[in-house]
PDB file of N, CA and C in Angstrom:
ATOM      1  N   MET A   1      16.931 -15.678 -22.202  1.00  0.00           N
ATOM      2  CA  MET A   1      17.327 -15.961 -20.837  1.00  0.00           C
ATOM      3  C   MET A   1      18.314 -14.901 -20.336  1.00  0.00           C
ATOM      4  N   GLU A   2      19.115 -14.417 -21.233  1.00  0.00           N
ATOM      5  CA  GLU A   2      20.089 -13.396 -20.861  1.00  0.00           C
ATOM      6  C   GLU A   2      19.401 -12.079 -20.505  1.00  0.00           C
ATOM      7  N   SER A   3      18.271 -11.793 -21.165  1.00  0.00           N
ATOM      8  CA  SER A   3      17.569 -10.542 -20.876  1.00  0.00           C
ATOM      9  C   SER A   3      16.981 -10.545 -19.464  1.00  0.00           C
ATOM     10  N   ILE A   4      16.536 -11.701 -18.993  1.00  0.00           N
ATOM     11  CA  ILE A   4      16.021 -11.797 -17.625  1.00  0.00           C
ATOM     12  C   ILE A   4      17.163 -11.557 -16.632  1.00  0.00           C
ATOM     13  N   GLY A   5      18.310 -12.129 -16.906  1.00  0.00           N
ATOM     14  CA  GLY A   5      19.479 -11.912 -16.060  1.00  0.00           C
ATOM     15  C   GLY A   5      19.905 -10.461 -16.047  1.00  0.00           C
ATOM     16  N   ASN A   6      19.849  -9.819 -17.213  1.00  0.00           N
ATOM     17  CA  ASN A   6      20.194  -8.393 -17.284  1.00  0.00           C
ATOM     18  C   ASN A   6      19.207  -7.543 -16.489  1.00  0.00           C
ATOM     19  N   PHE A   7      17.935  -7.915 -16.555  1.00  0.00           N
ATOM     20  CA  PHE A   7      16.918  -7.169 -15.813  1.00  0.00           C
ATOM     21  C   PHE A   7      17.163  -7.271 -14.308  1.00  0.00           C
ATOM     22  N   PHE A   8      17.394  -8.473 -13.806  1.00  0.00           N
ATOM     23  CA  PHE A   8      17.638  -8.634 -12.378  1.00  0.00           C
ATOM     24  C   PHE A   8      18.953  -7.993 -11.957  1.00  0.00           C
ATOM     25  N   ASN A   9      19.925  -8.029 -12.816  1.00  0.00           N
ATOM     26  CA  ASN A   9      21.189  -7.354 -12.522  1.00  0.00           C
ATOM     27  C   ASN A   9      20.962  -5.848 -12.403  1.00  0.00           C
ATOM     28  N   TRP A  10      20.172  -5.277 -13.319  1.00  0.00           N
ATOM     29  CA  TRP A  10      19.855  -3.855 -13.261  1.00  0.00           C
ATOM     30  C   TRP A  10      19.032  -3.546 -12.013  1.00  0.00           C
ATOM     31  N   LEU A  11      18.062  -4.406 -11.699  1.00  0.00           N
ATOM     32  CA  LEU A  11      17.149  -4.156 -10.598  1.00  0.00           C
ATOM     33  C   LEU A  11      17.860  -4.140  -9.249  1.00  0.00           C
ATOM     34  N   PHE A  12      18.831  -5.008  -9.057  1.00  0.00           N
ATOM     35  CA  PHE A  12      19.465  -5.132  -7.745  1.00  0.00           C
ATOM     36  C   PHE A  12      20.845  -4.483  -7.643  1.00  0.00           C
ATOM     37  N   SER A  13      21.457  -4.113  -8.761  1.00  0.00           N
ATOM     38  CA  SER A  13      22.807  -3.557  -8.667  1.00  0.00           C
ATOM     39  C   SER A  13      22.893  -2.094  -9.081  1.00  0.00           C
ATOM     40  N   ASP A  14      21.947  -1.615  -9.855  1.00  0.00           N
ATOM     41  CA  ASP A  14      21.964  -0.224 -10.300  1.00  0.00           C
ATOM     42  C   ASP A  14      21.158   0.636  -9.329  1.00  0.00           C
ATOM     43  N   ARG A  15      21.581   1.865  -9.111  1.00  0.00           N
ATOM     44  CA  ARG A  15      20.900   2.758  -8.178  1.00  0.00           C
ATOM     45  C   ARG A  15      19.454   3.021  -8.613  1.00  0.00           C
ATOM     46  N   VAL A  16      19.236   3.253  -9.887  1.00  0.00           N
ATOM     47  CA  VAL A  16      17.876   3.498 -10.389  1.00  0.00           C
ATOM     48  C   VAL A  16      17.014   2.248 -10.226  1.00  0.00           C
ATOM     49  N   GLY A  17      17.571   1.084 -10.473  1.00  0.00           N
ATOM     50  CA  GLY A  17      16.838  -0.163 -10.311  1.00  0.00           C
ATOM     51  C   GLY A  17      16.405  -0.390  -8.870  1.00  0.00           C
ATOM     52  N   VAL A  18      17.290  -0.093  -7.930  1.00  0.00           N
ATOM     53  CA  VAL A  18      16.947  -0.254  -6.510  1.00  0.00           C
ATOM     54  C   VAL A  18      15.862   0.740  -6.121  1.00  0.00           C
ATOM     55  N   LEU A  19      15.931   1.971  -6.633  1.00  0.00           N
ATOM     56  CA  LEU A  19      14.889   2.963  -6.349  1.00  0.00           C
ATOM     57  C   LEU A  19      13.545   2.533  -6.923  1.00  0.00           C
ATOM     58  N   VAL A  20      13.552   1.949  -8.116  1.00  0.00           N
ATOM     59  CA  VAL A  20      12.319   1.428  -8.706  1.00  0.00           C
ATOM     60  C   VAL A  20      11.766   0.299  -7.847  1.00  0.00           C
ATOM     61  N   LEU A  21      12.624  -0.582  -7.387  1.00  0.00           N
ATOM     62  CA  LEU A  21      12.208  -1.688  -6.529  1.00  0.00           C
ATOM     63  C   LEU A  21      11.598  -1.176  -5.228  1.00  0.00           C
ATOM     64  N   LEU A  22      12.223  -0.201  -4.591  1.00  0.00           N
ATOM     65  CA  LEU A  22      11.696   0.383  -3.360  1.00  0.00           C
ATOM     66  C   LEU A  22      10.382   1.122  -3.604  1.00  0.00           C
ATOM     67  N   GLY A  23      10.313   1.864  -4.687  1.00  0.00           N
ATOM     68  CA  GLY A  23       9.080   2.587  -5.023  1.00  0.00           C
ATOM     69  C   GLY A  23       7.925   1.634  -5.273  1.00  0.00           C
ATOM     70  N   PHE A  24       8.187   0.553  -5.981  1.00  0.00           N
ATOM     71  CA  PHE A  24       7.159  -0.445  -6.233  1.00  0.00           C
ATOM     72  C   PHE A  24       6.700  -1.079  -4.921  1.00  0.00           C
ATOM     73  N   GLY A  25       7.621  -1.336  -4.012  1.00  0.00           N
ATOM     74  CA  GLY A  25       7.266  -1.908  -2.714  1.00  0.00           C
ATOM     75  C   GLY A  25       6.389  -0.972  -1.909  1.00  0.00           C
ATOM     76  N   VAL A  26       6.702   0.317  -1.906  1.00  0.00           N
ATOM     77  CA  VAL A  26       5.897   1.293  -1.168  1.00  0.00           C
ATOM     78  C   VAL A  26       4.487   1.361  -1.741  1.00  0.00           C
ATOM     79  N   VAL A  27       4.380   1.426  -3.057  1.00  0.00           N
ATOM     80  CA  VAL A  27       3.063   1.492  -3.707  1.00  0.00           C
ATOM     81  C   VAL A  27       2.272   0.221  -3.430  1.00  0.00           C
ATOM     82  N   LEU A  28       2.926  -0.924  -3.482  1.00  0.00           N
ATOM     83  CA  LEU A  28       2.252  -2.193  -3.220  1.00  0.00           C
ATOM     84  C   LEU A  28       1.695  -2.239  -1.798  1.00  0.00           C
ATOM     85  N   PHE A  29       2.499  -1.852  -0.808  1.00  0.00           N
ATOM     86  CA  PHE A  29       2.030  -1.890   0.565  1.00  0.00           C
ATOM     87  C   PHE A  29       0.968  -0.837   0.844  1.00  0.00           C
ATOM     88  N   LEU A  30       1.021   0.319   0.189  1.00  0.00           N
ATOM     89  CA  LEU A  30      -0.047   1.307   0.329  1.00  0.00           C
ATOM     90  C   LEU A  30      -1.363   0.772  -0.235  1.00  0.00           C
ATOM     91  N   LEU A  31      -1.296   0.095  -1.360  1.00  0.00           N
ATOM     92  CA  LEU A  31      -2.493  -0.500  -1.961  1.00  0.00           C
ATOM     93  C   LEU A  31      -3.080  -1.577  -1.049  1.00  0.00           C
ATOM     94  N   ILE A  32      -2.226  -2.425  -0.499  1.00  0.00           N
ATOM     95  CA  ILE A  32      -2.689  -3.474   0.413  1.00  0.00           C
ATOM     96  C   ILE A  32      -3.334  -2.852   1.655  1.00  0.00           C
ATOM     97  N   ALA A  33      -2.715  -1.824   2.223  1.00  0.00           N
ATOM     98  CA  ALA A  33      -3.266  -1.171   3.413  1.00  0.00           C
ATOM     99  C   ALA A  33      -4.616  -0.531   3.109  1.00  0.00           C
ATOM    100  N   PHE A  34      -4.745   0.099   1.957  1.00  0.00           N
ATOM    101  CA  PHE A  34      -6.006   0.724   1.570  1.00  0.00           C
ATOM    102  C   PHE A  34      -7.112  -0.321   1.425  1.00  0.00           C
ATOM    103  N   LEU A  35      -6.812  -1.419   0.745  1.00  0.00           N
ATOM    104  CA  LEU A  35      -7.811  -2.469   0.552  1.00  0.00           C
ATOM    105  C   LEU A  35      -8.218  -3.122   1.868  1.00  0.00           C
ATOM    106  N   LEU A  36      -7.256  -3.362   2.746  1.00  0.00           N
ATOM    107  CA  LEU A  36      -7.588  -3.943   4.044  1.00  0.00           C
ATOM    108  C   LEU A  36      -8.409  -2.984   4.902  1.00  0.00           C
ATOM    109  N   GLU A  37      -8.130  -1.693   4.824  1.00  0.00           N
ATOM    110  CA  GLU A  37      -8.909  -0.709   5.573  1.00  0.00           C
ATOM    111  C   GLU A  37     -10.354  -0.679   5.083  1.00  0.00           C
ATOM    112  N   LYS A  38     -10.551  -0.705   3.781  1.00  0.00           N
ATOM    113  CA  LYS A  38     -11.912  -0.730   3.228  1.00  0.00           C
ATOM    114  C   LYS A  38     -12.639  -1.994   3.657  1.00  0.00           C
ATOM    115  N   ARG A  39     -11.952  -3.116   3.671  1.00  0.00           N
ATOM    116  CA  ARG A  39     -12.556  -4.384   4.066  1.00  0.00           C
ATOM    117  C   ARG A  39     -12.971  -4.367   5.542  1.00  0.00           C
ATOM    118  N   MET A  40     -12.115  -3.812   6.400  1.00  0.00           N
ATOM    119  CA  MET A  40     -12.435  -3.743   7.815  1.00  0.00           C
ATOM    120  C   MET A  40     -13.595  -2.789   8.076  1.00  0.00           C
ATOM    121  N   ARG A  41     -13.699  -1.721   7.301  1.00  0.00           N
ATOM    122  CA  ARG A  41     -14.817  -0.797   7.452  1.00  0.00           C
ATOM    123  C   ARG A  41     -16.136  -1.502   7.169  1.00  0.00           C
ATOM    124  N   LYS A  42     -16.166  -2.368   6.168  1.00  0.00           N
ATOM    125  CA  LYS A  42     -17.379  -3.114   5.849  1.00  0.00           C
ATOM    126  C   LYS A  42     -17.705  -4.111   6.951  1.00  0.00           C
ATOM    127  N   GLN A  43     -16.683  -4.713   7.545  1.00  0.00           N
ATOM    128  CA  GLN A  43     -16.902  -5.716   8.571  1.00  0.00           C
ATOM    129  C   GLN A  43     -17.373  -5.092   9.889  1.00  0.00           C
ATOM    130  N   PHE A  44     -16.862  -3.928  10.247  1.00  0.00           N
ATOM    131  CA  PHE A  44     -17.188  -3.279  11.514  1.00  0.00           C
ATOM    132  C   PHE A  44     -17.987  -2.003  11.272  1.00  0.00           C
ATOM    133  N   TYR A  45     -19.004  -2.082  10.436  1.00  0.00           N
ATOM    134  CA  TYR A  45     -19.787  -0.901  10.073  1.00  0.00           C
ATOM    135  C   TYR A  45     -20.609  -0.361  11.235  1.00  0.00           C
ATOM    136  N   ASN A  46     -20.940  -1.179  12.228  1.00  0.00           N
ATOM    137  CA  ASN A  46     -21.798  -0.741  13.325  1.00  0.00           C
ATOM    138  C   ASN A  46     -21.006  -0.360  14.577  1.00  0.00           C
ATOM    139  N   HIS A  47     -19.779   0.001  14.415  1.00  0.00           N
ATOM    140  CA  HIS A  47     -18.912   0.406  15.526  1.00  0.00           C
ATOM    141  C   HIS A  47     -19.392   1.738  16.104  1.00  0.00           C
ATOM    142  N   GLN A  48     -19.556   1.775  17.414  1.00  0.00           N
ATOM    143  CA  GLN A  48     -19.960   3.019  18.074  1.00  0.00           C
ATOM    144  C   GLN A  48     -18.746   3.948  18.160  1.00  0.00           C
ATOM    145  N   LYS A  49     -18.861   5.123  17.588  1.00  0.00           N
ATOM    146  CA  LYS A  49     -17.727   6.048  17.560  1.00  0.00           C
ATOM    147  C   LYS A  49     -17.639   6.834  18.858  1.00  0.00           C
ATOM    148  N   SER A  50     -16.411   7.075  19.269  1.00  0.00           N
ATOM    149  CA  SER A  50     -16.162   7.910  20.446  1.00  0.00           C
ATOM    150  C   SER A  50     -15.397   9.155  20.006  1.00  0.00           C
ATOM    151  N   GLU A  51     -15.076  10.028  20.944  1.00  0.00           N
ATOM    152  CA  GLU A  51     -14.351  11.254  20.596  1.00  0.00           C
ATOM    153  C   GLU A  51     -12.925  10.961  20.142  1.00  0.00           C
ATOM    154  N   ASP A  52     -12.367   9.824  20.559  1.00  0.00           N
ATOM    155  CA  ASP A  52     -10.996   9.484  20.204  1.00  0.00           C
ATOM    156  C   ASP A  52     -10.872   8.821  18.834  1.00  0.00           C
ATOM    157  N   ASP A  53     -12.001   8.427  18.233  1.00  0.00           N
ATOM    158  CA  ASP A  53     -11.946   7.783  16.917  1.00  0.00           C
ATOM    159  C   ASP A  53     -11.622   8.809  15.840  1.00  0.00           C
ATOM    160  N   TRP A  54     -10.898   8.361  14.851  1.00  0.00           N
ATOM    161  CA  TRP A  54     -10.629   9.198  13.689  1.00  0.00           C
ATOM    162  C   TRP A  54     -11.003   8.399  12.457  1.00  0.00           C
ATOM    163  N   ASP A  55     -11.305   9.109  11.379  1.00  0.00           N
ATOM    164  CA  ASP A  55     -11.821   8.474  10.168  1.00  0.00           C
ATOM    165  C   ASP A  55     -10.838   8.711   9.026  1.00  0.00           C
ATOM    166  N   LEU A  56     -10.323   7.626   8.475  1.00  0.00           N
ATOM    167  CA  LEU A  56      -9.362   7.739   7.391  1.00  0.00           C
ATOM    168  C   LEU A  56      -9.994   8.293   6.128  1.00  0.00           C
ATOM    169  N   PHE A  57     -11.226   7.939   5.865  1.00  0.00           N
ATOM    170  CA  PHE A  57     -11.876   8.327   4.616  1.00  0.00           C
ATOM    171  C   PHE A  57     -12.855   9.491   4.766  1.00  0.00           C
ATOM    172  N   ASP A  58     -13.173   9.876   5.993  1.00  0.00           N
ATOM    173  CA  ASP A  58     -14.083  11.006   6.270  1.00  0.00           C
ATOM    174  C   ASP A  58     -15.416  10.877   5.558  1.00  0.00           C
ATOM    175  N   SER A  59     -15.907   9.655   5.376  1.00  0.00           N
ATOM    176  CA  SER A  59     -17.167   9.472   4.658  1.00  0.00           C
ATOM    177  C   SER A  59     -18.375   9.524   5.577  1.00  0.00           C
ATOM    178  N   ASP A  60     -18.174   9.333   6.889  1.00  0.00           N
ATOM    179  CA  ASP A  60     -19.292   9.311   7.819  1.00  0.00           C
ATOM    180  C   ASP A  60     -19.571  10.664   8.450  1.00  0.00           C
ATOM    181  N   GLU A  61     -18.662  11.601   8.322  1.00  0.00           N
ATOM    182  CA  GLU A  61     -18.848  12.902   8.948  1.00  0.00           C
ATOM    183  C   GLU A  61     -19.706  13.781   8.064  1.00  0.00           C
ATOM    184  N   GLU A  62     -20.454  14.666   8.697  1.00  0.00           N
ATOM    185  CA  GLU A  62     -21.369  15.527   7.949  1.00  0.00           C
ATOM    186  C   GLU A  62     -20.804  16.904   7.774  1.00  0.00           C
TER     187      GLU A  62
END
């Protein structure tokens, strides 16, 4: 039980622990954004593209 307390103390009070926490949060949100983008691409596959559209994955361009 003490080791869990030490871990949380390190995570929230030490500079390296806070950087690890922030880095993990950034990676987590990037992963979520990537997965949601792929899901939306499957749902709206028949979208008519205009000149203002841009493609995150560049898979449809020749």
